[in-house]
Amino acid sequence: MTRSADSIKRRAGIAGLTFALFAAVALGSAGNSYAQANNTMFGNEALSSLTTGSGNSAFGDSALRQDTTGGQNSAVGYGAMYNNQTGNFNTAMGQGALDIDNANSNSAFGYNAMFNNFSGGRNAAFGLGALISNISGNYNTALGFKSLANSNVDNNTAAGYQAMYSDTTGTYNTAVGFESLYSNTTGSFNTASGYLALENSNGDSNTATGFVAMNSNTTGSDNTATGLGTLYSSSTGSYNTASGYNALTHNTTGNSNTATGVNALHENHGASFNTATGADSLYQNITGNNNTTTGFQALSNNTSGSNNTATGYNAMLAFNTGVNNTATGASALQDNTAGVANTANGFQTLQNNTSGSLIPRTARALSYSIPPARKIPLLDKPLSTATPAETSMLPTD
């Protein structure tokens, strides 16, 4: 038993000596001595130029190779933070990560992540080539393959494959999703969340949330799109608000429209100042302006009519070219197509009117016809002298 214990001790001693020699070789090959306090290095020429910097960790050949006075840095990977000399509080993991960095408080994870950063500080990059072109930009966060790959400015956040890939001078943008805000170069204050949201945009102050929301926007500004396909085709239109599946999806140049509901203002192209609330309301509108609708399919078939107000289910449903009409109530003015300056208030009021104009109608709807057996007499005398039977045959509306 004693011989076995001695054997174990000898083997442990040999193993410890081997590890110590290995560590010494590694440290020696890095060109460093134990005099550099609180630094850890492993790899050929890792931290080999260090003079007074402390609290550094370098793992990998040439990691932190040029560091002299920089401290509290961590570099893992071949050539990680190779050219850093005086920068502090940086973390780099991956070949070429923060390669040229000489600034403070940056974090880069991935091959060539923040490769060209020199003076930009407080940035975070995760993914191959993320923030690779940044030189002096600050306060940026890039998460995903080549996200913010061309950016060199401040205060952008991109998460997703090639999110904000083309950005060069745009600031205060947030892009979350596959190639969201991909083509933006100079636009600022944009928020894109969703697959290809605001993909082609270069405008300012847009908010797009949803699959391909505002995908085709180029220079339009101050738009808000919430929902799959909302404002999808809009290119230069501004001050639009779309909420709901495919709301304002075909708008291209129209301005100051508000669409709330599935397919609301779906076909609108260049018309402006419309408000549609309800599924399919103002669905077919293309060039009509200044229309206001509330209710399912209200003014659904309008194409070019303007200055109309429809409130209620199927109100002014068949309208396509009429102007200056007001309908309040379910199915009010439902069948009118090209009427002008009509007013219908109440359930089914003027429902069957097709082309009449300048008809104020606030009582019984015309859709209620008088029974054929009844005849309305022509009174050729004052109403006060009519008999009860005669007055009972008069219209009541």
Protein backbone atom coordinates (compact mmCIF):
# COMPACT_ATOMS: atom_id res chain seq x y z
CA MET A 1 0.00 0.00 0.00
CA THR A 2 2.92 2.34 0.81
CA ARG A 3 4.60 1.63 -2.51
CA SER A 4 1.34 2.41 -4.36
CA ALA A 5 0.91 5.73 -2.51
CA ASP A 6 4.47 6.73 -3.33
CA SER A 7 3.86 5.89 -6.98
CA ILE A 8 0.79 8.12 -7.05
CA LYS A 9 2.76 10.99 -5.50
CA ARG A 10 5.57 10.64 -8.04
CA ARG A 11 3.09 10.66 -10.94
CA ALA A 12 1.32 13.74 -9.57
CA GLY A 13 4.64 15.51 -9.21
CA ILE A 14 5.61 14.71 -12.79
CA ALA A 15 2.22 15.92 -14.06
CA GLY A 16 2.51 19.17 -12.11
CA LEU A 17 6.02 19.76 -13.39
CA THR A 18 4.93 19.05 -16.96
CA PHE A 19 2.08 21.58 -16.71
CA ALA A 20 4.39 24.17 -15.16
CA LEU A 21 6.92 23.71 -17.95
CA PHE A 22 4.17 23.94 -20.56
CA ALA A 23 2.86 27.17 -19.03
CA ALA A 24 6.36 28.59 -18.85
CA VAL A 25 6.97 27.81 -22.50
CA ALA A 26 3.68 29.43 -23.45
CA LEU A 27 4.43 32.52 -21.44
CA GLY A 28 7.96 32.66 -22.67
CA SER A 29 6.95 32.35 -26.31
CA ALA A 30 4.62 35.27 -25.78
CA GLY A 31 7.59 37.39 -24.77
CA ASN A 32 6.16 38.28 -21.36
CA SER A 33 7.47 37.92 -17.82
CA TYR A 34 5.70 37.46 -14.55
CA ALA A 35 6.43 41.12 -13.72
CA GLN A 36 3.34 42.20 -15.66
CA ALA A 37 0.81 41.89 -12.88
CA ASN A 38 -2.69 40.53 -13.33
CA ASN A 39 -2.30 39.68 -17.01
CA THR A 40 -3.04 36.26 -18.48
CA MET A 41 -1.81 35.20 -21.88
CA PHE A 42 -1.72 31.99 -23.86
CA GLY A 43 -0.51 31.77 -27.46
CA ASN A 44 2.39 32.79 -29.61
CA GLU A 45 3.05 36.56 -29.25
CA ALA A 46 -0.07 37.09 -27.20
CA LEU A 47 0.32 40.36 -25.27
CA SER A 48 3.96 40.39 -26.37
CA SER A 49 4.28 44.21 -26.42
CA LEU A 50 2.77 44.87 -23.01
CA THR A 51 4.51 47.47 -20.83
CA THR A 52 2.28 48.75 -18.01
CA GLY A 53 -1.19 47.52 -18.88
CA SER A 54 -2.84 45.26 -16.33
CA GLY A 55 -5.85 43.04 -15.98
CA ASN A 56 -5.66 41.75 -19.56
CA SER A 57 -6.47 38.25 -20.80
CA ALA A 58 -5.23 37.09 -24.19
CA PHE A 59 -5.84 33.61 -25.59
CA GLY A 60 -4.68 32.85 -29.13
CA ASP A 61 -1.72 33.59 -31.34
CA SER A 62 -1.08 37.34 -31.59
CA ALA A 63 -4.07 38.15 -29.42
CA LEU A 64 -3.59 41.67 -28.04
CA ARG A 65 -0.23 41.62 -29.83
CA GLN A 66 0.35 45.41 -29.83
CA ASP A 67 -1.15 46.22 -26.43
CA THR A 68 1.18 48.38 -24.35
CA THR A 69 -0.74 50.27 -21.67
CA GLY A 70 -4.30 49.16 -22.29
CA GLY A 71 -5.94 47.35 -19.41
CA GLN A 72 -8.90 45.19 -18.47
CA ASN A 73 -9.16 43.76 -21.97
CA SER A 74 -10.11 40.19 -22.92
CA ALA A 75 -9.18 38.80 -26.33
CA VAL A 76 -9.87 35.25 -27.47
CA GLY A 77 -8.94 34.08 -30.98
CA TYR A 78 -6.15 34.40 -33.50
CA GLY A 79 -5.24 38.08 -33.84
CA ALA A 80 -8.13 39.22 -31.68
CA MET A 81 -7.56 42.88 -30.75
CA TYR A 82 -4.19 42.59 -32.49
CA ASN A 83 -3.56 46.35 -32.85
CA ASN A 84 -5.01 47.59 -29.57
CA GLN A 85 -2.42 49.63 -27.72
CA THR A 86 -4.13 51.85 -25.16
CA GLY A 87 -7.80 50.84 -25.23
CA ASN A 88 -9.43 49.61 -22.02
CA PHE A 89 -12.36 47.46 -20.94
CA ASN A 90 -12.79 45.73 -24.31
CA THR A 91 -13.85 42.14 -25.00
CA ALA A 92 -13.15 40.41 -28.30
CA MET A 93 -13.83 36.80 -29.19
CA GLY A 94 -13.13 35.51 -32.70
CA GLN A 95 -10.41 35.85 -35.30
CA GLY A 96 -9.97 39.48 -36.27
CA ALA A 97 -12.49 40.73 -33.75
CA LEU A 98 -11.72 44.35 -32.77
CA ASP A 99 -8.50 43.96 -34.75
CA ILE A 100 -7.68 47.68 -35.06
CA ASP A 101 -9.44 48.81 -31.92
CA ASN A 102 -7.82 51.44 -29.72
CA ALA A 103 -10.92 52.66 -27.91
CA ASN A 104 -12.78 51.72 -24.74
CA SER A 105 -15.67 49.54 -23.63
CA ASN A 106 -16.41 47.61 -26.81
CA SER A 107 -17.59 43.99 -27.08
CA ALA A 108 -17.15 42.01 -30.30
CA PHE A 109 -18.01 38.33 -30.80
CA GLY A 110 -17.49 36.68 -34.17
CA TYR A 111 -15.05 36.52 -37.06
CA ASN A 112 -14.00 40.07 -37.98
CA ALA A 113 -16.67 41.58 -35.77
CA MET A 114 -15.86 45.30 -35.45
CA PHE A 115 -12.65 44.59 -37.36
CA ASN A 116 -12.01 48.24 -38.33
CA ASN A 117 -13.10 49.94 -35.13
CA PHE A 118 -10.47 52.41 -33.99
CA SER A 119 -11.92 55.14 -31.79
CA GLY A 120 -15.60 54.19 -31.44
CA GLY A 121 -16.60 53.27 -27.92
CA ARG A 122 -19.34 51.46 -26.05
CA ASN A 123 -20.37 49.32 -29.00
CA ALA A 124 -21.49 45.69 -28.99
CA ALA A 125 -21.25 43.44 -32.05
CA PHE A 126 -22.27 39.77 -32.20
CA GLY A 127 -21.91 37.85 -35.45
CA LEU A 128 -19.59 37.46 -38.40
CA GLY A 129 -18.75 40.88 -39.81
CA ALA A 130 -21.11 42.72 -37.49
CA LEU A 131 -20.18 46.43 -37.37
CA ILE A 132 -17.13 45.50 -39.46
CA SER A 133 -16.81 48.97 -41.03
CA ASN A 134 -17.31 50.98 -37.87
CA ILE A 135 -14.33 53.21 -37.16
CA SER A 136 -15.50 55.95 -34.82
CA GLY A 137 -19.22 55.31 -34.17
CA ASN A 138 -20.42 55.01 -30.60
CA TYR A 139 -23.27 53.37 -28.71
CA ASN A 140 -24.17 50.88 -31.46
CA THR A 141 -25.48 47.34 -31.01
CA ALA A 142 -25.30 44.84 -33.86
CA LEU A 143 -26.53 41.27 -33.47
CA GLY A 144 -26.45 38.99 -36.50
CA PHE A 145 -24.42 38.16 -39.60
CA LYS A 146 -23.13 41.44 -41.10
CA SER A 147 -25.65 43.52 -39.22
CA LEU A 148 -24.74 47.21 -39.42
CA ALA A 149 -21.84 46.09 -41.63
CA ASN A 150 -21.33 49.48 -43.26
CA SER A 151 -22.20 51.79 -40.40
CA ASN A 152 -19.84 54.38 -38.95
CA VAL A 153 -22.21 56.53 -36.91
CA ASP A 154 -23.82 56.52 -33.47
CA ASN A 155 -26.83 55.12 -31.69
CA ASN A 156 -28.10 52.38 -33.99
CA THR A 157 -29.45 48.98 -32.93
CA ALA A 158 -29.72 46.10 -35.39
CA ALA A 159 -30.67 42.51 -34.62
CA GLY A 160 -31.04 39.96 -37.41
CA TYR A 161 -29.30 38.65 -40.51
CA GLN A 162 -27.93 41.71 -42.37
CA ALA A 163 -30.23 44.03 -40.46
CA MET A 164 -29.37 47.65 -41.39
CA TYR A 165 -26.65 46.25 -43.63
CA SER A 166 -26.29 49.38 -45.81
CA ASP A 167 -26.51 52.07 -43.14
CA THR A 168 -23.73 54.64 -43.44
CA THR A 169 -24.86 57.90 -41.83
CA GLY A 170 -28.36 57.18 -40.50
CA THR A 171 -28.66 57.41 -36.73
CA TYR A 172 -31.06 56.50 -33.93
CA ASN A 173 -32.48 53.58 -35.91
CA THR A 174 -33.69 50.24 -34.54
CA ALA A 175 -34.01 47.22 -36.82
CA VAL A 176 -35.10 43.78 -35.61
CA GLY A 177 -35.58 40.99 -38.15
CA PHE A 178 -34.10 39.44 -41.28
CA GLU A 179 -32.75 42.29 -43.49
CA SER A 180 -34.96 44.84 -41.79
CA LEU A 181 -33.94 48.37 -42.82
CA TYR A 182 -31.45 46.63 -45.14
CA SER A 183 -31.10 49.45 -47.70
CA ASN A 184 -31.24 52.37 -45.31
CA THR A 185 -28.17 54.56 -45.75
CA THR A 186 -29.04 58.03 -44.42
CA GLY A 187 -32.49 57.69 -42.81
CA SER A 188 -32.75 58.33 -39.09
CA PHE A 189 -35.17 57.74 -36.22
CA ASN A 190 -36.69 54.63 -37.84
CA THR A 191 -37.95 51.51 -36.11
CA ALA A 192 -38.41 48.28 -38.05
CA SER A 193 -39.49 45.02 -36.47
CA GLY A 194 -40.21 42.01 -38.65
CA TYR A 195 -38.93 40.06 -41.65
CA LEU A 196 -37.92 42.57 -44.38
CA ALA A 197 -39.68 45.41 -42.57
CA LEU A 198 -38.65 48.77 -44.08
CA GLU A 199 -36.18 46.79 -46.20
CA ASN A 200 -35.79 49.44 -48.91
CA SER A 201 -36.42 52.53 -46.83
CA ASN A 202 -34.23 55.61 -46.72
CA GLY A 203 -36.74 57.94 -45.07
CA ASP A 204 -36.95 59.27 -41.54
CA SER A 205 -39.11 58.66 -38.49
CA ASN A 206 -40.94 55.58 -39.77
CA THR A 207 -42.21 52.75 -37.58
CA ALA A 208 -42.95 49.39 -39.20
CA THR A 209 -43.95 46.33 -37.21
CA GLY A 210 -44.84 43.09 -38.97
CA PHE A 211 -43.83 40.76 -41.80
CA VAL A 212 -42.78 42.92 -44.84
CA ALA A 213 -44.38 46.00 -43.29
CA MET A 214 -43.45 49.11 -45.33
CA ASN A 215 -41.15 46.92 -47.41
CA SER A 216 -41.11 49.22 -50.46
CA ASN A 217 -40.75 52.55 -48.70
CA THR A 218 -37.93 54.64 -50.18
CA THR A 219 -38.14 58.24 -48.99
CA GLY A 220 -41.49 58.40 -47.21
CA SER A 221 -41.30 59.71 -43.66
CA ASP A 222 -43.34 59.79 -40.46
CA ASN A 223 -45.35 56.67 -41.29
CA THR A 224 -46.58 54.03 -38.85
CA ALA A 225 -47.40 50.52 -40.05
CA THR A 226 -48.50 47.72 -37.74
CA GLY A 227 -49.41 44.32 -39.13
CA LEU A 228 -48.45 41.91 -41.89
CA GLY A 229 -48.16 43.70 -45.25
CA THR A 230 -49.22 47.09 -43.93
CA LEU A 231 -48.13 49.95 -46.19
CA TYR A 232 -46.20 47.32 -48.16
CA SER A 233 -46.06 49.23 -51.46
CA SER A 234 -45.71 52.72 -50.04
CA SER A 235 -42.66 54.40 -51.54
CA THR A 236 -42.80 58.16 -51.00
CA GLY A 237 -46.01 58.60 -49.01
CA SER A 238 -45.71 60.27 -45.63
CA TYR A 239 -47.73 60.75 -42.44
CA ASN A 240 -49.73 57.55 -42.98
CA THR A 241 -50.92 55.22 -40.25
CA ALA A 242 -51.92 51.64 -41.03
CA SER A 243 -52.93 49.04 -38.48
CA GLY A 244 -54.23 45.63 -39.49
CA TYR A 245 -53.45 42.87 -41.96
CA ASN A 246 -52.77 44.42 -45.41
CA ALA A 247 -54.07 47.83 -44.39
CA LEU A 248 -52.99 50.48 -46.94
CA THR A 249 -50.92 47.73 -48.53
CA HIS A 250 -50.92 49.24 -52.05
CA ASN A 251 -50.43 52.85 -51.07
CA THR A 252 -47.54 54.34 -53.03
CA THR A 253 -47.59 58.13 -52.82
CA GLY A 254 -50.66 58.93 -50.73
CA ASN A 255 -50.17 61.07 -47.63
CA SER A 256 -51.89 61.53 -44.29
CA ASN A 257 -54.12 58.45 -44.50
CA THR A 258 -55.27 56.41 -41.52
CA ALA A 259 -56.40 52.81 -41.99
CA THR A 260 -57.42 50.61 -39.09
CA GLY A 261 -58.65 47.10 -39.76
CA VAL A 262 -58.01 44.15 -42.06
CA ASN A 263 -57.71 45.37 -45.68
CA ALA A 264 -58.74 48.91 -44.77
CA LEU A 265 -57.81 51.28 -47.65
CA HIS A 266 -56.23 48.22 -49.24
CA GLU A 267 -56.07 49.52 -52.83
CA ASN A 268 -55.26 53.15 -52.06
CA HIS A 269 -52.47 54.39 -54.36
CA GLY A 270 -52.01 58.13 -54.35
CA ALA A 271 -55.06 59.40 -52.50
CA SER A 272 -54.63 61.42 -49.32
CA PHE A 273 -56.40 62.51 -46.16
CA ASN A 274 -58.61 59.43 -45.86
CA THR A 275 -59.61 57.74 -42.62
CA ALA A 276 -60.91 54.17 -42.74
CA THR A 277 -61.85 52.24 -39.62
CA GLY A 278 -63.14 48.71 -39.99
CA ALA A 279 -62.34 45.63 -42.03
CA ASP A 280 -62.57 46.27 -45.79
CA SER A 281 -63.61 49.89 -45.28
CA LEU A 282 -62.61 52.02 -48.28
CA TYR A 283 -61.09 48.79 -49.65
CA GLN A 284 -61.18 49.79 -53.35
CA ASN A 285 -60.30 53.44 -52.88
CA ILE A 286 -57.57 54.44 -55.35
CA THR A 287 -57.65 58.20 -55.86
CA GLY A 288 -60.51 59.41 -53.67
CA ASN A 289 -59.53 62.02 -51.07
CA ASN A 290 -60.91 63.28 -47.77
CA ASN A 291 -63.16 60.30 -47.08
CA THR A 292 -64.04 59.09 -43.59
CA THR A 293 -65.50 55.65 -42.94
CA THR A 294 -66.33 53.67 -39.84
CA GLY A 295 -67.68 50.14 -40.08
CA PHE A 296 -67.25 46.86 -41.89
CA GLN A 297 -67.18 47.42 -45.69
CA ALA A 298 -68.16 51.07 -45.34
CA LEU A 299 -67.53 52.77 -48.71
CA SER A 300 -65.81 49.52 -49.64
CA ASN A 301 -66.18 49.97 -53.42
CA ASN A 302 -65.31 53.65 -53.63
CA THR A 303 -62.55 54.24 -56.18
CA SER A 304 -62.36 57.98 -56.83
CA GLY A 305 -65.16 59.58 -54.83
CA SER A 306 -64.11 62.29 -52.39
CA ASN A 307 -65.39 64.13 -49.33
CA ASN A 308 -67.71 61.30 -48.28
CA THR A 309 -68.54 60.17 -44.76
CA ALA A 310 -69.92 56.68 -44.14
CA THR A 311 -70.65 55.28 -40.69
CA GLY A 312 -72.07 51.82 -40.21
CA TYR A 313 -72.02 48.31 -41.65
CA ASN A 314 -72.21 48.45 -45.47
CA ALA A 315 -72.87 52.19 -45.39
CA MET A 316 -72.42 53.57 -48.94
CA LEU A 317 -71.23 50.10 -49.94
CA ALA A 318 -71.66 50.51 -53.72
CA PHE A 319 -70.27 54.04 -54.04
CA ASN A 320 -67.36 54.44 -56.43
CA THR A 321 -67.36 58.00 -57.80
CA GLY A 322 -69.84 59.97 -55.71
CA VAL A 323 -68.80 63.05 -53.76
CA ASN A 324 -69.92 65.04 -50.72
CA ASN A 325 -72.24 62.34 -49.34
CA THR A 326 -72.97 61.47 -45.73
CA ALA A 327 -74.47 58.18 -44.60
CA THR A 328 -74.98 57.16 -40.99
CA GLY A 329 -76.44 53.77 -40.15
CA ALA A 330 -76.12 50.21 -41.35
CA SER A 331 -76.75 49.93 -45.12
CA ALA A 332 -77.48 53.66 -45.42
CA LEU A 333 -77.08 54.78 -49.07
CA GLN A 334 -75.93 51.21 -49.73
CA ASP A 335 -76.72 51.00 -53.46
CA ASN A 336 -75.89 54.54 -54.54
CA THR A 337 -72.89 54.61 -56.87
CA ALA A 338 -72.34 58.16 -58.13
CA GLY A 339 -74.68 60.38 -56.12
CA VAL A 340 -73.71 63.84 -55.00
CA ALA A 341 -74.44 65.65 -51.74
CA ASN A 342 -76.84 63.09 -50.25
CA THR A 343 -77.47 62.78 -46.53
CA ALA A 344 -78.90 59.58 -45.08
CA ASN A 345 -79.32 59.07 -41.35
CA GLY A 346 -80.64 55.82 -40.01
CA PHE A 347 -80.75 52.09 -40.62
CA GLN A 348 -81.12 51.33 -44.35
CA THR A 349 -81.91 54.96 -45.13
CA LEU A 350 -81.80 55.56 -48.92
CA GLN A 351 -80.62 51.97 -49.22
CA ASN A 352 -81.95 51.41 -52.74
CA ASN A 353 -81.20 54.86 -54.10
CA THR A 354 -78.75 54.31 -56.95
CA SER A 355 -77.81 57.65 -58.46
CA GLY A 356 -79.91 60.30 -56.75
CA SER A 357 -78.30 63.53 -55.63
CA LEU A 358 -79.01 66.32 -53.18
CA ILE A 359 -81.48 64.19 -51.23
CA PRO A 360 -81.60 64.84 -47.51
CA ARG A 361 -83.24 61.86 -45.85
CA THR A 362 -83.54 61.56 -42.11
CA ALA A 363 -86.82 59.74 -41.51
CA ARG A 364 -88.16 56.47 -42.92
CA ALA A 365 -85.85 54.78 -45.41
CA LEU A 366 -86.90 54.73 -49.06
CA SER A 367 -86.30 51.02 -49.07
CA TYR A 368 -89.66 50.61 -47.37
CA SER A 369 -92.11 50.85 -50.30
CA ILE A 370 -95.79 51.74 -49.94
CA PRO A 371 -98.10 48.75 -50.38
CA PRO A 372 -99.44 48.64 -53.96
CA ALA A 373 -103.07 48.63 -52.85
CA ARG A 374 -102.75 52.02 -51.24
CA LYS A 375 -103.18 55.18 -53.29
CA ILE A 376 -101.99 58.55 -52.16
CA PRO A 377 -104.67 61.09 -53.10
CA LEU A 378 -103.81 64.50 -54.44
CA LEU A 379 -105.13 66.97 -51.87
CA ASP A 380 -106.44 70.05 -53.55
CA LYS A 381 -107.44 71.70 -50.32
CA PRO A 382 -105.88 72.83 -47.07
CA LEU A 383 -104.64 69.98 -44.89
CA SER A 384 -106.76 71.28 -42.02
CA THR A 385 -109.95 70.49 -43.94
CA ALA A 386 -108.93 66.95 -44.98
CA THR A 387 -110.83 64.00 -43.60
CA PRO A 388 -109.12 61.47 -41.34
CA ALA A 389 -109.27 58.90 -44.14
CA GLU A 390 -107.54 61.31 -46.53
CA THR A 391 -104.78 62.28 -44.12
CA SER A 392 -104.10 58.63 -43.27
CA MET A 393 -103.10 58.03 -46.91
CA LEU A 394 -100.46 60.75 -46.91
CA PRO A 395 -96.74 59.90 -46.75
CA THR A 396 -95.41 59.98 -43.23
CA ASP A 397 -91.78 60.81 -44.14
